[in-house]
């Protein structure tokens, strides 16, 4: 999928008002907002299918989940 904004490693789901967000280490941020390895918190997750997560503003490919996720 060519419109992936970045990759997330060690991703975790974090509940928030209206649903949940992901936290994790981002790599290859195509919008240039974050350096590789930066710990981020995404905007609200809109949908999740397999390893592709659509948030309010970005599309992430989850490469790995934290040990407590899966």
N, C-alpha and C. Protein backbone atom coordinates (compact mmCIF):
# COMPACT_ATOMS: atom_id res chain seq x y z
N UNK A 1 0.86 -1.18 0.00
CA UNK A 1 0.00 0.00 0.00
C UNK A 1 0.89 1.23 0.00
N UNK A 2 0.78 2.05 -1.00
CA UNK A 2 1.70 3.18 -1.18
C UNK A 2 1.36 4.39 -0.32
N UNK A 3 0.14 4.47 0.21
CA UNK A 3 -0.20 5.65 1.01
C UNK A 3 0.04 5.44 2.51
N UNK A 4 0.88 4.47 2.86
CA UNK A 4 1.27 4.27 4.26
C UNK A 4 2.12 5.46 4.68
N UNK A 5 1.78 6.04 5.82
CA UNK A 5 2.50 7.22 6.30
C UNK A 5 3.76 6.84 7.07
N UNK A 6 3.75 5.68 7.72
CA UNK A 6 4.90 5.25 8.49
C UNK A 6 4.69 3.86 9.05
N UNK A 7 5.75 3.33 9.66
CA UNK A 7 5.70 2.00 10.27
C UNK A 7 5.79 2.16 11.78
N UNK A 8 5.06 1.33 12.52
CA UNK A 8 5.11 1.34 13.98
C UNK A 8 5.68 0.03 14.50
N UNK A 9 6.60 0.14 15.43
CA UNK A 9 7.16 -1.02 16.12
C UNK A 9 6.80 -0.92 17.59
N UNK A 10 6.65 -2.07 18.25
CA UNK A 10 6.29 -2.13 19.66
C UNK A 10 5.00 -1.36 19.94
N UNK A 11 4.03 -1.52 19.06
CA UNK A 11 2.77 -0.78 19.16
C UNK A 11 1.93 -1.29 20.34
N UNK A 12 1.19 -0.36 20.93
CA UNK A 12 0.26 -0.67 22.03
C UNK A 12 -1.03 0.09 21.79
N UNK A 13 -2.16 -0.54 22.09
CA UNK A 13 -3.45 0.14 22.04
C UNK A 13 -3.66 0.85 23.38
N UNK A 14 -4.05 2.12 23.31
CA UNK A 14 -4.31 2.90 24.52
C UNK A 14 -5.73 3.46 24.44
N UNK A 15 -6.59 3.09 25.39
CA UNK A 15 -7.95 3.61 25.35
C UNK A 15 -7.97 5.12 25.54
N UNK A 16 -8.93 5.78 24.91
CA UNK A 16 -9.13 7.21 25.07
C UNK A 16 -10.60 7.51 24.76
N UNK A 17 -11.00 8.73 24.99
CA UNK A 17 -12.38 9.13 24.71
C UNK A 17 -12.69 8.88 23.24
N UNK A 18 -13.73 8.16 22.97
CA UNK A 18 -14.14 7.90 21.60
C UNK A 18 -13.53 6.66 20.97
N UNK A 19 -12.69 5.92 21.69
CA UNK A 19 -12.08 4.72 21.10
C UNK A 19 -10.70 4.44 21.66
N UNK A 20 -9.72 4.40 20.76
CA UNK A 20 -8.35 4.14 21.20
C UNK A 20 -7.35 4.74 20.22
N UNK A 21 -6.13 4.91 20.70
CA UNK A 21 -4.99 5.37 19.90
C UNK A 21 -3.92 4.29 19.99
N UNK A 22 -2.88 4.43 19.20
CA UNK A 22 -1.71 3.56 19.31
C UNK A 22 -0.53 4.38 19.78
N UNK A 23 0.33 3.75 20.56
CA UNK A 23 1.63 4.33 20.88
C UNK A 23 2.67 3.36 20.36
N UNK A 24 3.85 3.85 20.09
CA UNK A 24 4.91 2.99 19.61
C UNK A 24 6.03 3.80 19.00
N UNK A 25 7.01 3.09 18.47
CA UNK A 25 8.16 3.73 17.82
C UNK A 25 7.86 3.83 16.33
N UNK A 26 7.98 5.02 15.79
CA UNK A 26 7.67 5.24 14.38
C UNK A 26 8.95 5.23 13.55
N UNK A 27 8.83 4.71 12.34
CA UNK A 27 9.94 4.69 11.38
C UNK A 27 9.39 5.08 10.01
N UNK A 28 10.25 5.69 9.21
CA UNK A 28 9.92 6.06 7.84
C UNK A 28 8.67 6.92 7.74
N UNK A 29 8.57 7.93 8.62
CA UNK A 29 7.44 8.86 8.57
C UNK A 29 7.52 9.68 7.29
N UNK A 30 6.63 9.40 6.36
CA UNK A 30 6.68 10.04 5.04
C UNK A 30 6.30 11.52 5.09
N UNK A 31 5.69 11.97 6.18
CA UNK A 31 5.31 13.37 6.30
C UNK A 31 6.40 14.20 6.98
N UNK A 32 7.48 13.55 7.41
CA UNK A 32 8.62 14.26 7.98
C UNK A 32 8.37 14.85 9.36
N UNK A 33 7.40 14.33 10.09
CA UNK A 33 7.08 14.87 11.42
C UNK A 33 7.98 14.30 12.51
N UNK A 34 8.43 13.06 12.34
CA UNK A 34 9.15 12.36 13.41
C UNK A 34 10.42 11.73 12.86
N UNK A 35 11.46 11.69 13.70
CA UNK A 35 12.68 10.98 13.31
C UNK A 35 12.50 9.49 13.61
N UNK A 36 13.23 8.65 12.91
CA UNK A 36 13.14 7.20 13.12
C UNK A 36 13.39 6.84 14.57
N UNK A 37 12.49 6.03 15.12
CA UNK A 37 12.62 5.57 16.50
C UNK A 37 11.92 6.44 17.52
N UNK A 38 11.33 7.56 17.07
CA UNK A 38 10.62 8.44 18.01
C UNK A 38 9.40 7.72 18.57
N UNK A 39 9.15 7.91 19.85
CA UNK A 39 7.96 7.35 20.51
C UNK A 39 6.80 8.30 20.22
N UNK A 40 5.73 7.77 19.62
CA UNK A 40 4.61 8.63 19.26
C UNK A 40 3.30 8.09 19.83
N UNK A 41 2.30 8.94 19.80
CA UNK A 41 0.92 8.60 20.12
C UNK A 41 0.12 9.04 18.90
N UNK A 42 -0.58 8.11 18.28
CA UNK A 42 -1.33 8.43 17.06
C UNK A 42 -2.60 9.20 17.41
N UNK A 43 -3.24 9.71 16.38
CA UNK A 43 -4.58 10.23 16.56
C UNK A 43 -5.53 9.05 16.69
N UNK A 44 -6.79 9.32 16.91
CA UNK A 44 -7.80 8.30 17.13
C UNK A 44 -7.82 7.28 15.99
N UNK A 45 -7.82 6.00 16.33
CA UNK A 45 -7.86 4.94 15.33
C UNK A 45 -9.28 4.87 14.75
N UNK A 46 -9.35 4.89 13.41
CA UNK A 46 -10.62 4.81 12.70
C UNK A 46 -10.92 3.37 12.31
N UNK A 47 -9.89 2.66 11.83
CA UNK A 47 -10.08 1.25 11.49
C UNK A 47 -8.74 0.53 11.58
N UNK A 48 -8.84 -0.78 11.74
CA UNK A 48 -7.65 -1.63 11.85
C UNK A 48 -7.94 -2.94 11.13
N UNK A 49 -7.10 -3.26 10.16
CA UNK A 49 -7.26 -4.51 9.43
C UNK A 49 -5.90 -5.14 9.24
N UNK A 50 -5.74 -6.34 9.78
CA UNK A 50 -4.45 -7.02 9.77
C UNK A 50 -3.41 -6.11 10.40
N UNK A 51 -2.39 -5.72 9.67
CA UNK A 51 -1.34 -4.87 10.23
C UNK A 51 -1.45 -3.41 9.78
N UNK A 52 -2.54 -3.05 9.11
CA UNK A 52 -2.73 -1.68 8.63
C UNK A 52 -3.73 -0.96 9.53
N UNK A 53 -3.31 0.20 10.05
CA UNK A 53 -4.15 0.97 10.96
C UNK A 53 -4.38 2.35 10.36
N UNK A 54 -5.65 2.69 10.19
CA UNK A 54 -6.04 4.01 9.69
C UNK A 54 -6.42 4.86 10.89
N UNK A 55 -5.74 6.00 11.04
CA UNK A 55 -6.09 6.94 12.11
C UNK A 55 -6.77 8.15 11.48
N UNK A 56 -7.13 9.11 12.30
CA UNK A 56 -7.80 10.30 11.80
C UNK A 56 -6.95 11.04 10.76
N UNK A 57 -5.61 10.93 10.85
CA UNK A 57 -4.74 11.71 9.96
C UNK A 57 -3.67 10.91 9.21
N UNK A 58 -3.50 9.63 9.54
CA UNK A 58 -2.39 8.87 8.97
C UNK A 58 -2.78 7.41 8.78
N UNK A 59 -1.93 6.69 8.04
CA UNK A 59 -2.07 5.25 7.88
C UNK A 59 -0.74 4.63 8.28
N UNK A 60 -0.80 3.72 9.25
CA UNK A 60 0.41 3.08 9.75
C UNK A 60 0.38 1.59 9.46
N UNK A 61 1.57 1.05 9.21
CA UNK A 61 1.75 -0.39 9.13
C UNK A 61 2.39 -0.81 10.44
N UNK A 62 1.71 -1.66 11.20
CA UNK A 62 2.25 -2.14 12.47
C UNK A 62 3.14 -3.34 12.17
N UNK A 63 4.42 -3.18 12.44
CA UNK A 63 5.38 -4.27 12.19
C UNK A 63 5.53 -5.17 13.39
N UNK A 64 5.31 -4.63 14.59
CA UNK A 64 5.38 -5.47 15.78
C UNK A 64 4.54 -4.85 16.88
N UNK A 65 3.97 -5.73 17.70
CA UNK A 65 3.19 -5.31 18.86
C UNK A 65 4.06 -5.48 20.10
N UNK A 66 3.82 -4.65 21.10
CA UNK A 66 4.51 -4.80 22.38
C UNK A 66 4.15 -6.16 22.97
N UNK A 67 4.92 -6.63 23.90
CA UNK A 67 4.74 -7.97 24.46
C UNK A 67 3.34 -8.20 25.02
N UNK A 68 2.67 -7.15 25.49
CA UNK A 68 1.34 -7.30 26.07
C UNK A 68 0.24 -7.21 25.02
N UNK A 69 0.60 -6.96 23.76
CA UNK A 69 -0.38 -6.83 22.67
C UNK A 69 -0.26 -8.01 21.72
N UNK A 70 -1.11 -8.00 20.68
CA UNK A 70 -0.96 -9.05 19.70
C UNK A 70 -2.06 -9.17 18.75
